[in-house]
N, C-alpha and C. Protein backbone atom coordinates (compact mmCIF):
# COMPACT_ATOMS: atom_id res chain seq x y z
N MET A 1 -29.38 -42.18 -37.93
CA MET A 1 -28.34 -42.62 -37.03
C MET A 1 -26.99 -42.00 -37.43
N ILE A 2 -26.72 -41.99 -38.74
CA ILE A 2 -25.48 -41.38 -39.21
C ILE A 2 -25.51 -39.88 -38.91
N ARG A 3 -26.65 -39.32 -39.16
CA ARG A 3 -26.79 -37.89 -38.90
C ARG A 3 -26.63 -37.60 -37.41
N GLU A 4 -27.15 -38.46 -36.55
CA GLU A 4 -27.04 -38.31 -35.11
C GLU A 4 -25.58 -38.35 -34.68
N ARG A 5 -24.80 -39.31 -35.25
CA ARG A 5 -23.38 -39.42 -34.92
C ARG A 5 -22.63 -38.18 -35.39
N ARG A 6 -22.97 -37.72 -36.58
CA ARG A 6 -22.31 -36.54 -37.12
C ARG A 6 -22.60 -35.33 -36.20
N ASP A 7 -23.83 -35.19 -35.74
CA ASP A 7 -24.19 -34.11 -34.83
C ASP A 7 -23.43 -34.23 -33.51
N GLN A 8 -23.30 -35.46 -33.01
CA GLN A 8 -22.57 -35.68 -31.76
C GLN A 8 -21.09 -35.31 -31.92
N ARG A 9 -20.50 -35.73 -33.08
CA ARG A 9 -19.09 -35.40 -33.33
C ARG A 9 -18.91 -33.88 -33.45
N ARG A 10 -19.85 -33.25 -34.15
CA ARG A 10 -19.77 -31.81 -34.32
C ARG A 10 -19.89 -31.11 -32.96
N GLN A 11 -20.82 -31.56 -32.13
CA GLN A 11 -21.00 -30.98 -30.81
C GLN A 11 -19.75 -31.20 -29.95
N ALA A 12 -19.18 -32.40 -30.03
CA ALA A 12 -17.95 -32.70 -29.28
C ALA A 12 -16.81 -31.80 -29.75
N TYR A 13 -16.72 -31.64 -31.09
CA TYR A 13 -15.68 -30.80 -31.67
C TYR A 13 -15.85 -29.34 -31.22
N GLU A 14 -17.09 -28.85 -31.27
CA GLU A 14 -17.37 -27.47 -30.86
C GLU A 14 -17.09 -27.27 -29.38
N GLN A 15 -17.41 -28.28 -28.57
CA GLN A 15 -17.15 -28.19 -27.14
C GLN A 15 -15.64 -28.13 -26.88
N LYS A 16 -14.89 -28.95 -27.60
CA LYS A 16 -13.43 -28.94 -27.48
C LYS A 16 -12.87 -27.58 -27.89
N GLN A 17 -13.42 -27.02 -28.97
CA GLN A 17 -12.97 -25.71 -29.45
C GLN A 17 -13.23 -24.63 -28.39
N ARG A 18 -14.41 -24.71 -27.73
CA ARG A 18 -14.72 -23.74 -26.67
C ARG A 18 -13.75 -23.90 -25.49
N GLN A 19 -13.45 -25.16 -25.15
CA GLN A 19 -12.51 -25.41 -24.06
C GLN A 19 -11.13 -24.83 -24.39
N TRP A 20 -10.68 -25.05 -25.64
CA TRP A 20 -9.39 -24.51 -26.06
C TRP A 20 -9.41 -22.98 -26.03
N LEU A 21 -10.52 -22.40 -26.43
CA LEU A 21 -10.65 -20.95 -26.42
C LEU A 21 -10.50 -20.43 -24.99
N TRP A 22 -11.23 -21.06 -24.06
CA TRP A 22 -11.15 -20.63 -22.67
C TRP A 22 -9.74 -20.87 -22.11
N MET A 23 -9.13 -21.96 -22.49
CA MET A 23 -7.78 -22.26 -22.04
C MET A 23 -6.81 -21.18 -22.53
N ARG A 24 -6.95 -20.77 -23.79
CA ARG A 24 -6.09 -19.72 -24.34
C ARG A 24 -6.34 -18.38 -23.63
N ILE A 25 -7.58 -18.10 -23.32
CA ILE A 25 -7.89 -16.85 -22.61
C ILE A 25 -7.25 -16.86 -21.23
N VAL A 26 -7.39 -17.97 -20.50
CA VAL A 26 -6.81 -18.09 -19.16
C VAL A 26 -5.29 -17.96 -19.23
N ILE A 27 -4.66 -18.65 -20.18
CA ILE A 27 -3.20 -18.57 -20.33
C ILE A 27 -2.79 -17.15 -20.68
N GLY A 28 -3.54 -16.50 -21.55
CA GLY A 28 -3.23 -15.11 -21.92
C GLY A 28 -3.32 -14.17 -20.74
N VAL A 29 -4.40 -14.32 -19.95
CA VAL A 29 -4.57 -13.46 -18.77
C VAL A 29 -3.44 -13.70 -17.78
N LEU A 30 -3.11 -14.97 -17.53
CA LEU A 30 -2.01 -15.28 -16.62
C LEU A 30 -0.69 -14.70 -17.13
N GLY A 31 -0.48 -14.80 -18.44
CA GLY A 31 0.74 -14.23 -19.03
C GLY A 31 0.82 -12.73 -18.82
N VAL A 32 -0.30 -12.05 -19.03
CA VAL A 32 -0.33 -10.60 -18.82
C VAL A 32 -0.05 -10.27 -17.35
N LEU A 33 -0.64 -11.04 -16.43
CA LEU A 33 -0.41 -10.80 -15.00
C LEU A 33 1.06 -11.01 -14.63
N VAL A 34 1.66 -12.07 -15.15
CA VAL A 34 3.07 -12.34 -14.87
C VAL A 34 3.95 -11.22 -15.42
N LEU A 35 3.70 -10.83 -16.66
CA LEU A 35 4.48 -9.74 -17.26
C LEU A 35 4.27 -8.43 -16.50
N GLY A 36 3.03 -8.17 -16.08
CA GLY A 36 2.74 -6.97 -15.29
C GLY A 36 3.48 -7.00 -13.96
N GLY A 37 3.51 -8.17 -13.32
CA GLY A 37 4.24 -8.31 -12.05
C GLY A 37 5.73 -8.05 -12.23
N ILE A 38 6.29 -8.57 -13.30
CA ILE A 38 7.71 -8.34 -13.59
C ILE A 38 7.96 -6.85 -13.85
N ALA A 39 7.09 -6.24 -14.65
CA ALA A 39 7.25 -4.81 -14.96
C ALA A 39 7.16 -3.98 -13.69
N TRP A 40 6.20 -4.31 -12.82
CA TRP A 40 6.05 -3.57 -11.56
C TRP A 40 7.29 -3.74 -10.69
N GLY A 41 7.83 -4.94 -10.63
CA GLY A 41 9.05 -5.19 -9.86
C GLY A 41 10.22 -4.36 -10.36
N VAL A 42 10.39 -4.31 -11.67
CA VAL A 42 11.47 -3.51 -12.26
C VAL A 42 11.24 -2.03 -11.96
N TYR A 43 10.01 -1.56 -12.13
CA TYR A 43 9.68 -0.16 -11.86
C TYR A 43 9.97 0.19 -10.39
N SER A 44 9.55 -0.67 -9.46
CA SER A 44 9.78 -0.43 -8.04
C SER A 44 11.27 -0.38 -7.72
N TYR A 45 12.02 -1.28 -8.33
CA TYR A 45 13.46 -1.32 -8.12
C TYR A 45 14.10 -0.01 -8.57
N VAL A 46 13.72 0.45 -9.75
CA VAL A 46 14.28 1.69 -10.29
C VAL A 46 13.88 2.87 -9.41
N GLN A 47 12.61 2.91 -8.97
CA GLN A 47 12.16 4.01 -8.11
C GLN A 47 12.93 4.02 -6.80
N ASP A 48 13.12 2.84 -6.19
CA ASP A 48 13.87 2.76 -4.94
C ASP A 48 15.29 3.27 -5.14
N ARG A 49 15.90 2.91 -6.24
CA ARG A 49 17.25 3.39 -6.52
C ARG A 49 17.25 4.90 -6.71
N ASN A 50 16.23 5.44 -7.36
CA ASN A 50 16.17 6.89 -7.57
C ASN A 50 16.01 7.64 -6.25
N LEU A 51 15.33 7.03 -5.27
CA LEU A 51 15.17 7.68 -3.98
C LEU A 51 16.50 7.79 -3.25
N ASN A 52 17.41 6.88 -3.53
CA ASN A 52 18.68 6.87 -2.83
C ASN A 52 19.79 7.58 -3.59
N VAL A 53 19.46 8.22 -4.70
CA VAL A 53 20.47 8.92 -5.49
C VAL A 53 20.86 10.21 -4.75
N VAL A 54 22.17 10.36 -4.55
CA VAL A 54 22.68 11.63 -4.05
C VAL A 54 23.05 12.44 -5.28
N PRO A 55 22.39 13.57 -5.50
CA PRO A 55 22.62 14.33 -6.73
C PRO A 55 24.08 14.77 -6.86
N ASP A 56 24.56 14.78 -8.10
CA ASP A 56 25.90 15.28 -8.38
C ASP A 56 26.03 16.71 -7.87
N GLY A 57 27.15 17.00 -7.26
CA GLY A 57 27.40 18.35 -6.75
C GLY A 57 27.01 18.55 -5.31
N THR A 58 26.41 17.54 -4.68
CA THR A 58 26.01 17.67 -3.27
C THR A 58 27.25 17.72 -2.39
N ARG A 59 27.31 18.72 -1.54
CA ARG A 59 28.41 18.82 -0.56
C ARG A 59 27.90 18.28 0.77
N ASN A 60 28.77 17.58 1.48
CA ASN A 60 28.42 16.94 2.74
C ASN A 60 29.22 17.56 3.88
N PHE A 61 28.59 17.65 5.04
CA PHE A 61 29.21 18.26 6.21
C PHE A 61 28.96 17.35 7.41
N GLU A 62 29.52 17.71 8.57
CA GLU A 62 29.32 16.89 9.76
C GLU A 62 29.01 17.77 10.97
N TYR A 63 27.75 17.95 11.22
CA TYR A 63 27.31 18.68 12.40
C TYR A 63 26.45 17.76 13.25
N ALA A 64 26.63 17.85 14.56
CA ALA A 64 25.76 17.12 15.48
C ALA A 64 24.56 18.01 15.78
N GLY A 65 23.46 17.41 16.14
CA GLY A 65 22.26 18.18 16.46
C GLY A 65 22.14 18.48 17.94
N GLY A 66 21.12 19.26 18.29
CA GLY A 66 20.76 19.46 19.68
C GLY A 66 21.44 20.63 20.38
N ASP A 67 22.25 21.41 19.69
CA ASP A 67 22.97 22.53 20.31
C ASP A 67 22.18 23.82 20.12
N HIS A 68 21.52 24.29 21.19
CA HIS A 68 20.67 25.47 21.10
C HIS A 68 21.37 26.71 21.66
N VAL A 69 21.01 27.86 21.10
CA VAL A 69 21.51 29.14 21.59
C VAL A 69 20.35 29.91 22.21
N ASN A 70 20.66 31.01 22.87
CA ASN A 70 19.62 31.83 23.49
C ASN A 70 18.73 32.45 22.41
N PRO A 71 17.44 32.64 22.71
CA PRO A 71 16.53 33.25 21.73
C PRO A 71 17.08 34.59 21.23
N GLY A 72 17.08 34.77 19.92
CA GLY A 72 17.54 36.01 19.32
C GLY A 72 19.05 36.08 19.12
N GLU A 73 19.80 35.14 19.68
CA GLU A 73 21.26 35.15 19.52
C GLU A 73 21.64 34.82 18.08
N THR A 74 22.65 35.52 17.58
CA THR A 74 23.12 35.30 16.21
C THR A 74 24.29 34.33 16.22
N VAL A 75 24.29 33.40 15.28
CA VAL A 75 25.36 32.41 15.15
C VAL A 75 26.15 32.73 13.88
N ALA A 76 27.47 32.67 13.99
CA ALA A 76 28.34 32.87 12.82
C ALA A 76 28.52 31.51 12.13
N TYR A 77 27.71 31.25 11.13
CA TYR A 77 27.77 29.97 10.42
C TYR A 77 28.86 29.99 9.36
N THR A 78 29.41 28.82 9.08
CA THR A 78 30.46 28.68 8.07
C THR A 78 29.87 28.65 6.67
N GLU A 79 28.78 27.92 6.49
CA GLU A 79 28.15 27.77 5.16
C GLU A 79 27.04 28.81 4.99
N THR A 80 26.80 29.15 3.72
CA THR A 80 25.73 30.09 3.39
C THR A 80 24.84 29.46 2.33
N PRO A 81 23.57 29.21 2.65
CA PRO A 81 22.95 29.19 3.97
C PRO A 81 23.54 28.06 4.82
N PRO A 82 23.34 28.14 6.12
CA PRO A 82 23.90 27.11 6.99
C PRO A 82 23.22 25.75 6.79
N VAL A 83 23.96 24.69 7.15
CA VAL A 83 23.44 23.32 6.98
C VAL A 83 23.42 22.55 8.30
N GLY A 84 23.70 23.22 9.39
CA GLY A 84 23.72 22.56 10.69
C GLY A 84 24.46 23.43 11.69
N GLY A 85 24.50 22.96 12.92
CA GLY A 85 25.21 23.68 13.97
C GLY A 85 24.24 24.23 15.00
N PRO A 86 24.76 25.09 15.88
CA PRO A 86 23.91 25.67 16.92
C PRO A 86 22.75 26.45 16.30
N HIS A 87 21.64 26.46 17.00
CA HIS A 87 20.45 27.12 16.45
C HIS A 87 19.50 27.53 17.56
N ASP A 88 18.53 28.34 17.21
CA ASP A 88 17.52 28.84 18.13
C ASP A 88 16.65 27.69 18.63
N ASN A 89 16.07 27.87 19.82
CA ASN A 89 15.14 26.87 20.36
C ASN A 89 13.89 26.72 19.50
N ALA A 90 13.49 27.80 18.83
CA ALA A 90 12.28 27.78 18.00
C ALA A 90 12.66 27.50 16.55
N TRP A 91 11.92 26.61 15.92
CA TRP A 91 12.16 26.30 14.51
C TRP A 91 11.29 27.18 13.63
N GLN A 92 11.71 27.32 12.38
CA GLN A 92 10.93 28.06 11.38
C GLN A 92 9.83 27.14 10.85
N ASN A 93 8.60 27.63 10.84
CA ASN A 93 7.52 26.83 10.24
C ASN A 93 7.82 26.62 8.76
N CYS A 94 7.62 25.42 8.30
CA CYS A 94 7.86 25.12 6.89
C CYS A 94 6.81 25.80 6.02
N GLY A 95 7.16 26.07 4.79
CA GLY A 95 6.30 26.75 3.84
C GLY A 95 7.13 27.72 3.02
N ALA A 96 6.47 28.55 2.24
CA ALA A 96 7.15 29.52 1.38
C ALA A 96 7.05 30.91 2.00
N TYR A 97 8.17 31.62 2.00
CA TYR A 97 8.24 32.97 2.56
C TYR A 97 8.65 33.96 1.48
N ALA A 98 8.09 35.16 1.54
CA ALA A 98 8.44 36.21 0.59
C ALA A 98 9.65 37.01 1.06
N GLU A 99 9.97 36.91 2.34
CA GLU A 99 11.10 37.62 2.93
C GLU A 99 12.10 36.61 3.50
N PRO A 100 13.37 37.00 3.64
CA PRO A 100 14.35 36.09 4.24
C PRO A 100 13.93 35.68 5.65
N VAL A 101 14.34 34.50 6.04
CA VAL A 101 14.05 33.99 7.39
C VAL A 101 15.37 33.96 8.18
N ARG A 102 15.25 33.91 9.50
CA ARG A 102 16.44 33.87 10.36
C ARG A 102 17.14 32.52 10.20
N ASN A 103 18.46 32.57 9.99
CA ASN A 103 19.25 31.35 9.88
C ASN A 103 19.04 30.42 11.07
N GLU A 104 19.06 30.99 12.26
CA GLU A 104 19.02 30.18 13.48
C GLU A 104 17.72 29.40 13.61
N ASN A 105 16.62 29.97 13.12
CA ASN A 105 15.34 29.24 13.14
C ASN A 105 15.27 28.22 12.02
N ALA A 106 15.78 28.59 10.86
CA ALA A 106 15.76 27.66 9.71
C ALA A 106 16.63 26.44 9.99
N VAL A 107 17.77 26.63 10.64
CA VAL A 107 18.64 25.49 10.96
C VAL A 107 17.92 24.52 11.89
N HIS A 108 17.12 25.05 12.81
CA HIS A 108 16.35 24.16 13.68
C HIS A 108 15.36 23.34 12.85
N SER A 109 14.78 23.93 11.81
CA SER A 109 13.89 23.17 10.92
C SER A 109 14.66 22.07 10.19
N LEU A 110 15.89 22.37 9.78
CA LEU A 110 16.72 21.33 9.15
C LEU A 110 16.93 20.17 10.12
N GLU A 111 17.13 20.49 11.39
CA GLU A 111 17.33 19.45 12.41
C GLU A 111 16.10 18.54 12.49
N HIS A 112 14.93 19.07 12.16
CA HIS A 112 13.69 18.28 12.19
C HIS A 112 13.47 17.51 10.89
N GLY A 113 14.33 17.70 9.90
CA GLY A 113 14.21 16.95 8.64
C GLY A 113 13.77 17.77 7.45
N ALA A 114 13.70 19.09 7.61
CA ALA A 114 13.27 19.95 6.50
C ALA A 114 14.38 20.12 5.47
N VAL A 115 13.97 20.41 4.25
CA VAL A 115 14.88 20.88 3.20
C VAL A 115 14.58 22.36 3.02
N TRP A 116 15.63 23.16 3.08
CA TRP A 116 15.52 24.61 2.93
C TRP A 116 15.99 24.97 1.53
N ILE A 117 15.08 25.50 0.74
CA ILE A 117 15.41 25.95 -0.61
C ILE A 117 15.50 27.47 -0.58
N ALA A 118 16.73 27.96 -0.67
CA ALA A 118 16.97 29.40 -0.67
C ALA A 118 17.25 29.85 -2.10
N TYR A 119 16.84 31.07 -2.40
CA TYR A 119 17.05 31.58 -3.75
C TYR A 119 17.43 33.06 -3.69
N ARG A 120 18.15 33.49 -4.72
CA ARG A 120 18.50 34.91 -4.82
C ARG A 120 17.22 35.72 -5.01
N PRO A 121 17.09 36.85 -4.33
CA PRO A 121 15.88 37.67 -4.46
C PRO A 121 15.62 38.15 -5.89
N ASP A 122 16.67 38.25 -6.71
CA ASP A 122 16.47 38.73 -8.09
C ASP A 122 16.21 37.59 -9.08
N LEU A 123 15.94 36.40 -8.58
CA LEU A 123 15.64 35.26 -9.44
C LEU A 123 14.37 35.54 -10.25
N ASP A 124 14.31 35.04 -11.45
CA ASP A 124 13.15 35.20 -12.33
C ASP A 124 11.88 34.75 -11.60
N GLN A 125 10.78 35.51 -11.74
CA GLN A 125 9.54 35.23 -11.01
C GLN A 125 8.99 33.83 -11.31
N GLU A 126 9.14 33.38 -12.55
CA GLU A 126 8.65 32.03 -12.90
C GLU A 126 9.39 30.96 -12.09
N GLN A 127 10.69 31.15 -11.91
CA GLN A 127 11.46 30.19 -11.11
C GLN A 127 11.08 30.28 -9.63
N ILE A 128 10.86 31.50 -9.16
CA ILE A 128 10.43 31.67 -7.76
C ILE A 128 9.10 30.95 -7.55
N ASP A 129 8.17 31.10 -8.49
CA ASP A 129 6.87 30.41 -8.39
C ASP A 129 7.05 28.90 -8.37
N THR A 130 7.97 28.39 -9.17
CA THR A 130 8.26 26.95 -9.18
C THR A 130 8.74 26.50 -7.80
N LEU A 131 9.66 27.26 -7.23
CA LEU A 131 10.19 26.91 -5.91
C LEU A 131 9.10 27.02 -4.84
N ARG A 132 8.32 28.09 -4.89
CA ARG A 132 7.26 28.27 -3.90
C ARG A 132 6.24 27.13 -3.96
N SER A 133 5.98 26.62 -5.16
CA SER A 133 5.02 25.51 -5.28
C SER A 133 5.55 24.24 -4.60
N MET A 134 6.86 24.12 -4.50
CA MET A 134 7.44 22.95 -3.82
C MET A 134 7.14 22.97 -2.33
N ALA A 135 6.88 24.14 -1.79
CA ALA A 135 6.59 24.27 -0.36
C ALA A 135 5.23 23.69 0.01
N ALA A 136 4.45 23.26 -0.99
CA ALA A 136 3.18 22.58 -0.70
C ALA A 136 3.45 21.21 -0.08
N GLN A 137 4.64 20.67 -0.32
CA GLN A 137 5.03 19.40 0.31
C GLN A 137 5.35 19.67 1.78
N SER A 138 5.23 18.66 2.60
CA SER A 138 5.62 18.80 4.00
C SER A 138 7.14 18.89 4.09
N TYR A 139 7.62 19.52 5.13
CA TYR A 139 9.05 19.62 5.43
C TYR A 139 9.86 20.31 4.33
N ILE A 140 9.24 21.31 3.68
CA ILE A 140 9.96 22.13 2.71
C ILE A 140 9.84 23.59 3.15
N LEU A 141 10.97 24.26 3.21
CA LEU A 141 11.06 25.66 3.58
C LEU A 141 11.66 26.39 2.38
N VAL A 142 10.99 27.41 1.88
CA VAL A 142 11.46 28.17 0.71
C VAL A 142 11.51 29.65 1.09
N SER A 143 12.66 30.28 0.81
CA SER A 143 12.77 31.71 1.13
C SER A 143 13.86 32.36 0.28
N PRO A 144 13.72 33.68 0.06
CA PRO A 144 14.82 34.41 -0.58
C PRO A 144 16.00 34.48 0.39
N TYR A 145 17.20 34.61 -0.17
CA TYR A 145 18.40 34.69 0.65
C TYR A 145 19.40 35.58 -0.08
N PRO A 146 19.64 36.79 0.41
CA PRO A 146 20.56 37.71 -0.28
C PRO A 146 21.98 37.16 -0.35
N ASP A 147 22.68 37.52 -1.41
CA ASP A 147 24.11 37.24 -1.58
C ASP A 147 24.46 35.76 -1.66
N LEU A 148 23.57 34.96 -2.21
CA LEU A 148 23.89 33.54 -2.42
C LEU A 148 24.95 33.41 -3.51
N SER A 149 25.76 32.35 -3.41
CA SER A 149 26.79 32.12 -4.43
C SER A 149 26.23 31.44 -5.68
N ALA A 150 24.99 30.95 -5.60
CA ALA A 150 24.30 30.34 -6.74
C ALA A 150 22.86 30.85 -6.74
N PRO A 151 22.17 30.80 -7.88
CA PRO A 151 20.78 31.28 -7.92
C PRO A 151 19.84 30.54 -6.96
N VAL A 152 20.06 29.23 -6.80
CA VAL A 152 19.22 28.41 -5.92
C VAL A 152 20.15 27.51 -5.11
N VAL A 153 19.89 27.40 -3.81
CA VAL A 153 20.68 26.52 -2.96
C VAL A 153 19.72 25.70 -2.11
N ALA A 154 19.85 24.38 -2.21
CA ALA A 154 19.04 23.47 -1.39
C ALA A 154 19.92 22.96 -0.25
N SER A 155 19.37 23.02 0.97
CA SER A 155 20.12 22.57 2.14
C SER A 155 19.26 21.65 2.98
N SER A 156 19.90 20.63 3.52
CA SER A 156 19.30 19.80 4.56
C SER A 156 20.37 19.67 5.64
N TRP A 157 20.05 19.00 6.72
CA TRP A 157 21.05 18.85 7.78
C TRP A 157 22.26 18.10 7.21
N ASN A 158 23.41 18.76 7.17
CA ASN A 158 24.70 18.21 6.71
C ASN A 158 24.84 18.05 5.20
N HIS A 159 23.93 18.60 4.41
CA HIS A 159 24.03 18.46 2.95
C HIS A 159 23.60 19.76 2.27
N GLN A 160 24.28 20.06 1.14
CA GLN A 160 23.91 21.27 0.40
C GLN A 160 24.20 21.08 -1.08
N LEU A 161 23.33 21.66 -1.91
CA LEU A 161 23.45 21.57 -3.36
C LEU A 161 23.19 22.95 -3.96
N GLN A 162 24.15 23.44 -4.74
CA GLN A 162 23.99 24.72 -5.43
C GLN A 162 23.50 24.46 -6.85
N LEU A 163 22.52 25.25 -7.28
CA LEU A 163 21.88 25.04 -8.58
C LEU A 163 21.77 26.36 -9.34
N ASP A 164 21.80 26.25 -10.66
CA ASP A 164 21.64 27.43 -11.51
C ASP A 164 20.19 27.74 -11.82
N SER A 165 19.30 26.76 -11.57
CA SER A 165 17.91 26.92 -11.99
C SER A 165 16.97 26.12 -11.09
N ALA A 166 15.76 26.61 -10.94
CA ALA A 166 14.74 25.90 -10.17
C ALA A 166 14.28 24.64 -10.89
N SER A 167 14.51 24.56 -12.19
CA SER A 167 14.05 23.40 -12.97
C SER A 167 15.10 22.30 -13.06
N ASP A 168 16.25 22.47 -12.42
CA ASP A 168 17.29 21.43 -12.42
C ASP A 168 16.73 20.18 -11.74
N GLU A 169 16.78 19.03 -12.43
CA GLU A 169 16.21 17.79 -11.88
C GLU A 169 16.90 17.36 -10.59
N ARG A 170 18.09 17.83 -10.35
CA ARG A 170 18.80 17.46 -9.13
C ARG A 170 18.11 18.01 -7.88
N LEU A 171 17.32 19.07 -8.03
CA LEU A 171 16.59 19.61 -6.88
C LEU A 171 15.58 18.59 -6.38
N ASP A 172 14.82 17.98 -7.28
CA ASP A 172 13.87 16.93 -6.87
C ASP A 172 14.60 15.74 -6.27
N GLN A 173 15.74 15.36 -6.85
CA GLN A 173 16.53 14.26 -6.30
C GLN A 173 16.99 14.59 -4.89
N PHE A 174 17.43 15.82 -4.67
CA PHE A 174 17.89 16.25 -3.35
C PHE A 174 16.76 16.15 -2.34
N ILE A 175 15.59 16.64 -2.72
CA ILE A 175 14.44 16.60 -1.81
C ILE A 175 14.09 15.15 -1.48
N ARG A 176 14.00 14.28 -2.50
CA ARG A 176 13.65 12.87 -2.25
C ARG A 176 14.67 12.20 -1.34
N ARG A 177 15.93 12.54 -1.51
CA ARG A 177 16.99 11.87 -0.75
C ARG A 177 17.11 12.39 0.67
N PHE A 178 16.98 13.70 0.86
CA PHE A 178 17.34 14.28 2.15
C PHE A 178 16.19 14.82 2.99
N LYS A 179 14.99 14.99 2.42
CA LYS A 179 13.86 15.44 3.24
C LYS A 179 13.54 14.33 4.23
N GLU A 180 13.57 14.66 5.52
CA GLU A 180 13.39 13.67 6.59
C GLU A 180 14.32 12.48 6.33
N GLY A 181 15.53 12.79 5.90
CA GLY A 181 16.50 11.77 5.49
C GLY A 181 17.24 11.12 6.65
N PRO A 182 18.22 10.28 6.30
CA PRO A 182 18.93 9.49 7.29
C PRO A 182 19.79 10.31 8.26
N ASP A 183 20.16 11.53 7.89
CA ASP A 183 20.99 12.36 8.77
C ASP A 183 20.17 13.30 9.65
N THR A 184 18.85 13.19 9.58
CA THR A 184 17.98 14.05 10.39
C THR A 184 18.22 13.76 11.87
N PRO A 185 18.72 14.74 12.66
CA PRO A 185 18.98 14.48 14.07
C PRO A 185 17.72 14.21 14.90
N GLU A 186 16.60 14.84 14.52
CA GLU A 186 15.36 14.67 15.28
C GLU A 186 14.24 14.20 14.35
N PRO A 187 14.32 12.95 13.87
CA PRO A 187 13.29 12.47 12.94
C PRO A 187 11.91 12.46 13.61
N GLY A 188 10.92 12.87 12.85
CA GLY A 188 9.55 12.87 13.36
C GLY A 188 9.17 14.15 14.08
N ALA A 189 10.14 15.05 14.31
CA ALA A 189 9.82 16.32 14.96
C ALA A 189 9.04 17.20 13.98
N LEU A 190 8.27 18.12 14.52
CA LEU A 190 7.37 18.94 13.70
C LEU A 190 8.11 19.98 12.87
N CYS A 191 7.45 20.40 11.81
CA CYS A 191 7.93 21.54 11.01
C CYS A 191 6.81 22.59 10.98
N SER A 192 5.97 22.54 11.98
CA SER A 192 4.91 23.52 12.18
C SER A 192 4.86 23.78 13.68
N GLY A 193 4.15 24.82 14.09
CA GLY A 193 4.06 25.13 15.51
C GLY A 193 5.27 25.88 16.02
N GLY A 194 6.11 26.36 15.11
CA GLY A 194 7.29 27.14 15.49
C GLY A 194 7.05 28.61 15.27
N VAL A 195 7.99 29.28 14.61
CA VAL A 195 7.87 30.71 14.35
C VAL A 195 7.71 30.96 12.86
N GLY A 196 7.11 32.09 12.53
CA GLY A 196 6.96 32.49 11.14
C GLY A 196 5.63 32.08 10.55
N THR A 197 5.15 32.90 9.63
CA THR A 197 3.91 32.62 8.92
C THR A 197 4.20 32.60 7.43
N PRO A 198 4.18 31.41 6.82
CA PRO A 198 4.42 31.34 5.37
C PRO A 198 3.42 32.21 4.62
N SER A 199 3.87 32.78 3.51
CA SER A 199 2.98 33.67 2.75
C SER A 199 2.50 33.00 1.47
């Protein structure tokens, strides 16, 4: 009888220990989930803020969209490369080009939300390859541009950033902020089905 009671107490004690073990596991898992949720919230907040960063050195302009010129007509743009203004009816297909593209077609692509990354033709091949790889994204146009004032110039409708290198982190910030950005006059318009064949 004493042995029976001792066995019952031991079994009760072991059962309680198992319950406490499971309780600690559940509390631990819930704690990890709560901490993970907080970490995800902080990460999302930081990412959202990074998307809205206007990179240092970005110049802003004010052009309205929708002003077309006759096919083949040349426009005397103020900025090099241009960031807005009158443009050809046909847009430049997005992608990477080995030769310069017509300003008037590229500006139409900017109107559709593209970012145009122009570079000096004598830029180091490794940097050119880096820029060309960016054209794998949608709404990115990459081309050489003679006589640029900087080695690399990123342009979107009404915005431009001059850079010394293709690896400058501000280029990615510019793309995130302005590709199909808030100043796009024709959001949702295509960046394909126009003129030009990316190489």
